[in-house]
Amino acid sequence: AILQDYPNSQYAQHIYSLQCQAYMQANNREEALKVLDRNPQQTNEIRQTKQYLRYQMGVDLFLQGNIAGSRAKMTEVIDHQQESQHYVTEALYWRAEAAYRLRDFDACLSDLQTFSKQADYQRSANRLPSLYLKAYALFAQKKYPAAREQFAQYVQQANNTDRTYTDALNRIGDCYFNARNYADANTYYSRVVEQQNKTGNVTGADYATYQRGYSSGLLHRYESKLEDMNTVITKYPKSDYVVQALYEKARTLIELKRETEAIKTYDQLLSQYGRNPKFGAKSALERAMLYRNLDMPEEAIKAYKYTISNYPSTDEAYTALSGLEALYVETNRVSEYVRYTKSLKQMKVVTKDDSLTYAAAELLYMQAR
């Protein structure tokens, strides 16, 4: 009110300053900015303070999860370069970070390029994080060679105790993996595992162990793969990769002609993760097929029925039904199969009793010759 009535008062600047300080102490940066905008004397100090407020508002919005709002506020900082350049460099980084979160990877890379050309880039606290962010933006675009080089540049400069250091090693491994260079992928996954063995607290060590094992399998190093899958299962029991490790362990045991152990591994997977949408039905069906390949028809029948009962209407259930039909025909138990199919309520089953009986009889005749 005083400023409205006496805009030219000798106390005007003092009052503006008090108002601004009060809003800033209350963390109301928006109102503090409005006070400074109303001040007719736009000194360098005031312009710098306004840039600071815009920048902090952008950071606050980002931390609050309002990524689009943060991006807009950082654009406002960048658009006011004439007021103060001091915060423009950092605003470019944060706008790039916001663009990445919004999956606008081209805009992210563009801002990072501009950020790297700023006069105070080398002094920026976000210089090293910008290398990491650029690598991820390239990785998200599946530009794996460029991403690998960028992650490598970051790793050369980062502290090896940082969480992002081992994460970058994993991503370099992934870049090689996507290029089907499994040997070099293994090298970088191994570096993460080694770091875990040294410090005992590395984010992503379970993933690196799983990926190293998976890569070893692609290189036909099945014993090494089996060892890594066992490590994931036993050392990281709460890891999201345990179910995948169990599945790959079973597959590896089959490659090593250790079928009985493979069946036990499938049993463990189904007991702990039977409802897993990716590996439950698949493991149940493969267990049944394994029993059949081992010439254990009764166990195979039970396993096929387990698949059908627990995963009805899935592709695996219909494959299991076909396998079950073949088994019943082979053992001349067609009527038993027909009775079973009539009990199925959730699947569409068409059976032709006569044709199945004929097929069973023909099979018996051929076996007797």
Protein backbone atom coordinates (compact mmCIF):
# COMPACT_ATOMS: atom_id res chain seq x y z
CA ALA A 1 0.00 0.00 0.00
CA ILE A 2 2.84 2.40 0.82
CA LEU A 3 4.45 1.72 -2.56
CA GLN A 4 1.14 2.30 -4.35
CA ASP A 5 0.56 5.60 -2.62
CA TYR A 6 4.18 6.76 -2.60
CA PRO A 7 5.98 5.03 -5.50
CA ASN A 8 8.80 7.60 -5.38
CA SER A 9 9.33 7.36 -1.65
CA GLN A 10 12.93 7.37 -0.47
CA TYR A 11 12.08 4.15 1.35
CA ALA A 12 10.74 2.36 -1.74
CA GLN A 13 13.83 0.26 -2.40
CA HIS A 14 14.07 -0.74 1.24
CA ILE A 15 10.42 -1.81 1.21
CA TYR A 16 10.90 -3.82 -2.01
CA SER A 17 13.88 -5.52 -0.38
CA LEU A 18 11.94 -6.37 2.78
CA GLN A 19 9.02 -7.76 0.80
CA CYS A 20 11.31 -9.89 -1.33
CA GLN A 21 13.21 -11.23 1.70
CA ALA A 22 9.95 -12.10 3.47
CA TYR A 23 8.68 -14.13 0.52
CA MET A 24 12.03 -15.85 0.04
CA GLN A 25 12.21 -16.82 3.71
CA ALA A 26 8.74 -18.33 3.31
CA ASN A 27 9.97 -20.24 0.23
CA ASN A 28 7.39 -18.38 -1.84
CA ARG A 29 9.68 -17.72 -4.77
CA GLU A 30 6.86 -16.88 -7.15
CA GLU A 31 5.69 -13.92 -5.08
CA ALA A 32 9.28 -12.82 -4.47
CA LEU A 33 9.78 -12.75 -8.24
CA LYS A 34 6.65 -10.65 -8.69
CA VAL A 35 7.98 -8.12 -6.17
CA LEU A 36 11.24 -7.84 -8.08
CA ASP A 37 9.39 -7.50 -11.38
CA ARG A 38 7.47 -4.52 -9.95
CA ASN A 39 10.62 -2.77 -8.84
CA PRO A 40 11.28 0.07 -11.31
CA GLN A 41 15.02 -0.03 -10.61
CA GLN A 42 16.22 -3.16 -12.38
CA THR A 43 19.79 -3.26 -11.15
CA ASN A 44 22.24 -6.05 -12.01
CA GLU A 45 21.77 -7.48 -8.54
CA ILE A 46 18.00 -7.57 -8.97
CA ARG A 47 18.26 -9.20 -12.39
CA GLN A 48 20.57 -11.88 -11.00
CA THR A 49 18.22 -12.50 -8.11
CA LYS A 50 15.33 -12.89 -10.53
CA GLN A 51 17.29 -15.48 -12.51
CA TYR A 52 18.11 -17.29 -9.29
CA LEU A 53 14.42 -17.39 -8.36
CA ARG A 54 13.35 -18.67 -11.78
CA TYR A 55 16.06 -21.32 -11.67
CA GLN A 56 15.17 -22.49 -8.16
CA MET A 57 11.50 -22.62 -9.08
CA GLY A 58 12.44 -24.87 -12.00
CA VAL A 59 14.49 -27.17 -9.75
CA ASP A 60 11.66 -27.29 -7.21
CA LEU A 61 9.15 -28.27 -9.87
CA PHE A 62 11.48 -31.02 -11.10
CA LEU A 63 11.96 -32.43 -7.61
CA GLN A 64 8.20 -32.30 -7.07
CA GLY A 65 7.69 -34.43 -10.17
CA ASN A 66 6.25 -31.64 -12.31
CA ILE A 67 8.66 -32.30 -15.16
CA ALA A 68 6.76 -30.36 -17.82
CA GLY A 69 6.46 -27.37 -15.48
CA SER A 70 10.16 -27.53 -14.69
CA ARG A 71 11.01 -27.62 -18.38
CA ALA A 72 8.91 -24.52 -18.99
CA LYS A 73 10.50 -22.66 -16.09
CA MET A 74 14.02 -23.53 -17.24
CA THR A 75 13.07 -22.21 -20.68
CA GLU A 76 12.09 -18.97 -18.96
CA VAL A 77 15.55 -18.79 -17.36
CA ILE A 78 17.23 -19.41 -20.72
CA ASP A 79 15.03 -16.81 -22.43
CA HIS A 80 16.21 -14.18 -19.90
CA GLN A 81 19.91 -14.46 -20.71
CA GLN A 82 20.15 -10.69 -20.99
CA GLU A 83 19.26 -10.39 -17.29
CA SER A 84 21.95 -12.74 -16.08
CA GLN A 85 23.96 -15.53 -17.71
CA HIS A 86 24.89 -17.04 -14.38
CA TYR A 87 22.05 -19.59 -14.21
CA VAL A 88 21.53 -20.18 -17.91
CA THR A 89 24.17 -22.92 -18.10
CA GLU A 90 22.61 -24.93 -15.29
CA ALA A 91 19.11 -24.35 -16.69
CA LEU A 92 20.20 -25.93 -19.97
CA TYR A 93 21.24 -29.06 -18.11
CA TRP A 94 17.99 -29.28 -16.14
CA ARG A 95 15.90 -28.66 -19.25
CA ALA A 96 17.78 -31.51 -20.92
CA GLU A 97 17.06 -33.71 -17.90
CA ALA A 98 13.37 -32.81 -18.10
CA ALA A 99 13.30 -33.54 -21.84
CA TYR A 100 14.80 -36.97 -21.17
CA ARG A 101 12.15 -37.73 -18.53
CA LEU A 102 9.51 -36.69 -21.08
CA ARG A 103 11.19 -38.99 -23.66
CA ASP A 104 12.02 -36.10 -25.95
CA PHE A 105 15.51 -37.42 -26.58
CA ASP A 106 16.36 -35.16 -29.52
CA ALA A 107 15.59 -32.06 -27.44
CA CYS A 108 17.61 -33.53 -24.57
CA LEU A 109 20.66 -34.04 -26.78
CA SER A 110 20.26 -30.60 -28.33
CA ASP A 111 20.25 -28.89 -24.92
CA LEU A 112 23.25 -30.91 -23.77
CA GLN A 113 25.13 -29.85 -26.87
CA THR A 114 24.37 -26.18 -26.10
CA PHE A 115 25.23 -26.77 -22.44
CA SER A 116 28.67 -28.12 -23.38
CA LYS A 117 29.44 -24.94 -25.35
CA GLN A 118 28.75 -22.53 -22.49
CA ALA A 119 31.68 -20.49 -21.26
CA ASP A 120 31.35 -21.83 -17.72
CA TYR A 121 30.68 -25.45 -18.75
CA GLN A 122 33.90 -26.79 -17.25
CA ARG A 123 33.06 -25.21 -13.90
CA SER A 124 29.49 -26.52 -13.84
CA ALA A 125 28.56 -28.99 -11.11
CA ASN A 126 26.49 -30.79 -13.76
CA ARG A 127 29.29 -31.27 -16.29
CA LEU A 128 29.93 -34.91 -15.32
CA PRO A 129 26.23 -35.79 -14.89
CA SER A 130 25.65 -34.35 -18.37
CA LEU A 131 27.93 -37.01 -19.87
CA TYR A 132 25.88 -39.69 -18.14
CA LEU A 133 22.61 -38.13 -19.27
CA LYS A 134 23.81 -37.84 -22.87
CA ALA A 135 24.84 -41.49 -22.86
CA TYR A 136 21.40 -42.54 -21.65
CA ALA A 137 19.65 -40.39 -24.26
CA LEU A 138 21.68 -42.09 -26.99
CA PHE A 139 21.04 -45.49 -25.41
CA ALA A 140 17.30 -44.79 -25.37
CA GLN A 141 17.49 -44.10 -29.10
CA LYS A 142 19.32 -47.43 -29.58
CA LYS A 143 22.39 -45.63 -30.87
CA TYR A 144 24.54 -48.18 -29.10
CA PRO A 145 28.03 -47.39 -30.48
CA ALA A 146 27.65 -43.68 -29.66
CA ALA A 147 26.11 -44.47 -26.27
CA ARG A 148 28.95 -46.87 -25.47
CA GLU A 149 31.56 -44.20 -26.21
CA GLN A 150 29.70 -41.70 -24.06
CA PHE A 151 29.34 -44.10 -21.13
CA ALA A 152 33.04 -44.92 -21.44
CA GLN A 153 33.90 -41.22 -21.30
CA TYR A 154 31.80 -40.91 -18.16
CA VAL A 155 33.41 -43.97 -16.52
CA GLN A 156 36.90 -42.53 -17.12
CA GLN A 157 36.02 -39.46 -15.07
CA ALA A 158 33.53 -40.74 -12.48
CA ASN A 159 34.29 -41.90 -8.97
CA ASN A 160 34.15 -45.71 -8.85
CA THR A 161 32.23 -45.54 -5.57
CA ASP A 162 29.31 -43.74 -7.22
CA ARG A 163 26.18 -45.76 -7.96
CA THR A 164 26.18 -44.39 -11.49
CA TYR A 165 29.71 -45.71 -12.10
CA THR A 166 28.71 -49.38 -12.03
CA ASP A 167 25.45 -48.57 -13.77
CA ALA A 168 27.45 -47.08 -16.63
CA LEU A 169 29.61 -50.23 -16.76
CA ASN A 170 26.43 -52.30 -17.08
CA ARG A 171 25.18 -50.10 -19.90
CA ILE A 172 28.50 -50.45 -21.75
CA GLY A 173 28.03 -54.18 -21.39
CA ASP A 174 24.50 -53.82 -22.76
CA CYS A 175 25.78 -51.84 -25.75
CA TYR A 176 28.19 -54.64 -26.60
CA PHE A 177 25.47 -57.21 -25.93
CA ASN A 178 23.10 -55.51 -28.37
CA ALA A 179 25.89 -55.57 -30.94
CA ARG A 180 26.18 -59.35 -30.28
CA ASN A 181 29.70 -58.85 -29.02
CA TYR A 182 29.15 -61.12 -26.03
CA ALA A 183 32.80 -61.48 -25.08
CA ASP A 184 33.28 -57.72 -24.58
CA ALA A 185 29.89 -57.51 -22.90
CA ASN A 186 31.12 -60.10 -20.41
CA THR A 187 34.20 -58.01 -19.70
CA TYR A 188 32.12 -55.05 -18.50
CA TYR A 189 29.59 -57.13 -16.59
CA SER A 190 32.57 -58.76 -14.86
CA ARG A 191 33.88 -55.35 -13.80
CA VAL A 192 30.62 -54.74 -11.95
CA VAL A 193 30.84 -58.17 -10.29
CA GLU A 194 34.44 -57.48 -9.29
CA GLN A 195 33.42 -54.14 -7.79
CA GLN A 196 30.70 -55.95 -5.82
CA ASN A 197 33.25 -58.46 -4.52
CA LYS A 198 35.51 -55.60 -3.40
CA THR A 199 32.96 -53.35 -1.71
CA GLY A 200 30.00 -55.65 -1.06
CA ASN A 201 27.47 -52.95 -1.90
CA VAL A 202 27.09 -52.34 -5.63
CA THR A 203 23.80 -51.43 -7.30
CA GLY A 204 23.19 -53.61 -10.34
CA ALA A 205 25.51 -56.47 -9.34
CA ASP A 206 22.64 -58.96 -9.61
CA TYR A 207 21.87 -57.74 -13.13
CA ALA A 208 25.54 -57.88 -14.12
CA THR A 209 25.86 -61.43 -12.80
CA TYR A 210 22.74 -62.54 -14.66
CA GLN A 211 23.79 -60.85 -17.90
CA ARG A 212 27.31 -62.26 -17.69
CA GLY A 213 25.84 -65.73 -17.28
CA TYR A 214 23.41 -65.23 -20.14
CA SER A 215 26.23 -63.99 -22.40
CA SER A 216 28.35 -66.97 -21.41
CA GLY A 217 25.55 -69.26 -22.58
CA LEU A 218 25.50 -67.54 -25.96
CA LEU A 219 29.23 -68.25 -26.13
CA HIS A 220 28.50 -71.92 -25.27
CA ARG A 221 30.25 -71.59 -21.93
CA TYR A 222 27.55 -73.49 -20.12
CA GLU A 223 29.41 -74.23 -16.90
CA SER A 224 30.18 -70.52 -16.46
CA LYS A 225 26.57 -69.66 -17.19
CA LEU A 226 25.37 -72.20 -14.64
CA GLU A 227 27.69 -70.78 -11.99
CA ASP A 228 26.42 -67.22 -12.52
CA MET A 229 22.77 -68.29 -12.48
CA ASN A 230 23.35 -70.11 -9.21
CA THR A 231 24.99 -66.98 -7.80
CA VAL A 232 21.96 -64.85 -8.69
CA ILE A 233 19.62 -67.39 -7.06
CA THR A 234 21.59 -67.82 -3.85
CA LYS A 235 23.34 -64.48 -3.35
CA TYR A 236 20.48 -62.21 -4.45
CA PRO A 237 17.30 -64.07 -3.38
CA LYS A 238 15.21 -60.89 -3.49
CA SER A 239 16.42 -59.83 -6.93
CA ASP A 240 13.96 -59.37 -9.77
CA TYR A 241 16.27 -61.58 -11.84
CA VAL A 242 15.90 -64.72 -9.72
CA VAL A 243 12.99 -66.11 -11.74
CA GLN A 244 14.90 -65.52 -14.98
CA ALA A 245 17.99 -67.12 -13.47
CA LEU A 246 16.02 -70.21 -12.45
CA TYR A 247 14.63 -70.54 -15.96
CA GLU A 248 18.04 -70.12 -17.59
CA LYS A 249 19.54 -72.54 -15.08
CA ALA A 250 17.05 -75.21 -16.13
CA ARG A 251 17.76 -74.59 -19.80
CA THR A 252 21.50 -74.79 -19.16
CA LEU A 253 21.19 -78.06 -17.27
CA ILE A 254 19.38 -79.50 -20.29
CA GLU A 255 22.27 -78.37 -22.50
CA LEU A 256 24.62 -80.17 -20.10
CA LYS A 257 22.49 -83.36 -20.30
CA ARG A 258 21.57 -83.06 -16.61
CA GLU A 259 17.83 -83.44 -17.17
CA THR A 260 16.92 -84.64 -13.67
CA GLU A 261 18.46 -81.49 -12.15
CA ALA A 262 16.67 -79.41 -14.78
CA ILE A 263 13.32 -80.86 -13.69
CA LYS A 264 14.09 -80.00 -10.06
CA THR A 265 14.92 -76.45 -11.12
CA TYR A 266 11.62 -76.16 -13.00
CA ASP A 267 9.91 -77.48 -9.85
CA GLN A 268 11.57 -74.74 -7.78
CA LEU A 269 10.59 -72.05 -10.26
CA LEU A 270 6.97 -73.19 -10.38
CA SER A 271 6.80 -73.44 -6.59
CA GLN A 272 8.12 -69.91 -6.03
CA TYR A 273 7.13 -68.07 -9.20
CA GLY A 274 4.39 -70.16 -10.77
CA ARG A 275 2.20 -67.11 -11.36
CA ASN A 276 4.92 -65.22 -13.19
CA PRO A 277 3.30 -64.26 -16.52
CA LYS A 278 6.48 -64.71 -18.55
CA PHE A 279 8.03 -67.84 -17.09
CA GLY A 280 5.26 -69.76 -15.29
CA ALA A 281 3.41 -71.37 -18.19
CA LYS A 282 6.59 -71.73 -20.25
CA SER A 283 8.38 -73.59 -17.46
CA ALA A 284 5.42 -75.86 -16.80
CA LEU A 285 5.20 -76.88 -20.46
CA GLU A 286 8.95 -77.40 -20.82
CA ARG A 287 8.98 -79.58 -17.71
CA ALA A 288 6.27 -81.78 -19.24
CA MET A 289 8.12 -82.02 -22.54
CA LEU A 290 11.29 -82.93 -20.68
CA TYR A 291 9.52 -85.79 -18.90
CA ARG A 292 8.28 -87.01 -22.26
CA ASN A 293 11.74 -86.85 -23.82
CA LEU A 294 13.01 -88.90 -20.88
CA ASP A 295 10.37 -91.54 -21.69
CA MET A 296 8.50 -91.01 -18.42
CA PRO A 297 4.90 -90.99 -19.74
CA GLU A 298 3.04 -90.93 -16.42
CA GLU A 299 5.08 -88.00 -15.11
CA ALA A 300 4.66 -86.28 -18.49
CA ILE A 301 0.86 -86.73 -18.34
CA LYS A 302 0.76 -85.19 -14.86
CA ALA A 303 2.96 -82.30 -15.97
CA TYR A 304 0.87 -81.64 -19.09
CA LYS A 305 -2.29 -81.63 -16.98
CA TYR A 306 -0.61 -79.25 -14.51
CA THR A 307 0.11 -76.85 -17.37
CA ILE A 308 -3.47 -77.04 -18.66
CA SER A 309 -4.99 -76.65 -15.20
CA ASN A 310 -2.83 -73.76 -14.03
CA TYR A 311 -2.53 -71.82 -17.28
CA PRO A 312 -5.81 -72.36 -19.17
CA SER A 313 -6.36 -70.48 -22.42
CA THR A 314 -2.64 -69.81 -22.88
CA ASP A 315 -0.73 -71.01 -25.93
CA GLU A 316 1.23 -73.28 -23.60
CA ALA A 317 -1.99 -74.93 -22.40
CA TYR A 318 -3.06 -75.79 -25.95
CA THR A 319 0.43 -77.08 -26.74
CA ALA A 320 0.25 -79.20 -23.60
CA LEU A 321 -3.13 -80.54 -24.72
CA SER A 322 -1.63 -81.62 -28.04
CA GLY A 323 1.21 -83.33 -26.24
CA LEU A 324 -1.22 -85.00 -23.89
CA GLU A 325 -3.31 -86.25 -26.79
CA ALA A 326 -0.24 -87.76 -28.42
CA LEU A 327 0.74 -89.50 -25.20
CA TYR A 328 -2.72 -91.00 -24.66
CA VAL A 329 -2.76 -92.21 -28.25
CA GLU A 330 0.70 -93.74 -27.86
CA THR A 331 -0.39 -95.59 -24.70
CA ASN A 332 -3.74 -96.64 -26.24
CA ARG A 333 -5.78 -94.73 -23.61
CA VAL A 334 -7.99 -92.73 -25.93
CA SER A 335 -11.14 -93.06 -23.84
CA GLU A 336 -9.29 -91.68 -20.82
CA TYR A 337 -8.18 -88.67 -22.88
CA VAL A 338 -11.73 -88.06 -24.13
CA ARG A 339 -13.09 -88.12 -20.59
CA TYR A 340 -10.41 -85.67 -19.52
CA THR A 341 -11.11 -83.19 -22.31
CA LYS A 342 -14.83 -83.21 -21.48
CA SER A 343 -13.93 -81.99 -18.00
CA LEU A 344 -12.18 -78.89 -19.35
CA LYS A 345 -14.38 -75.83 -19.02
CA GLN A 346 -12.04 -72.97 -19.94
CA MET A 347 -10.66 -74.38 -23.18
CA LYS A 348 -12.18 -75.09 -26.57
CA VAL A 349 -11.46 -78.73 -27.28
CA VAL A 350 -12.60 -80.67 -30.33
CA THR A 351 -12.00 -84.40 -30.15
CA LYS A 352 -12.89 -87.06 -32.69
CA ASP A 353 -13.10 -90.32 -30.79
CA ASP A 354 -13.05 -92.55 -33.87
CA SER A 355 -10.02 -90.93 -35.45
CA LEU A 356 -8.09 -91.05 -32.19
CA THR A 357 -8.97 -94.70 -31.65
CA TYR A 358 -7.88 -95.49 -35.19
CA ALA A 359 -4.59 -93.62 -34.69
CA ALA A 360 -3.91 -95.56 -31.46
CA ALA A 361 -4.65 -98.89 -33.12
CA GLU A 362 -2.47 -98.02 -36.10
CA LEU A 363 0.38 -97.08 -33.80
CA LEU A 364 0.09 -100.38 -31.91
CA TYR A 365 0.10 -102.28 -35.21
CA MET A 366 3.22 -100.49 -36.42
CA GLN A 367 5.01 -101.13 -33.11
CA ALA A 368 4.14 -104.83 -33.29
CA ARG A 369 5.66 -105.32 -36.74
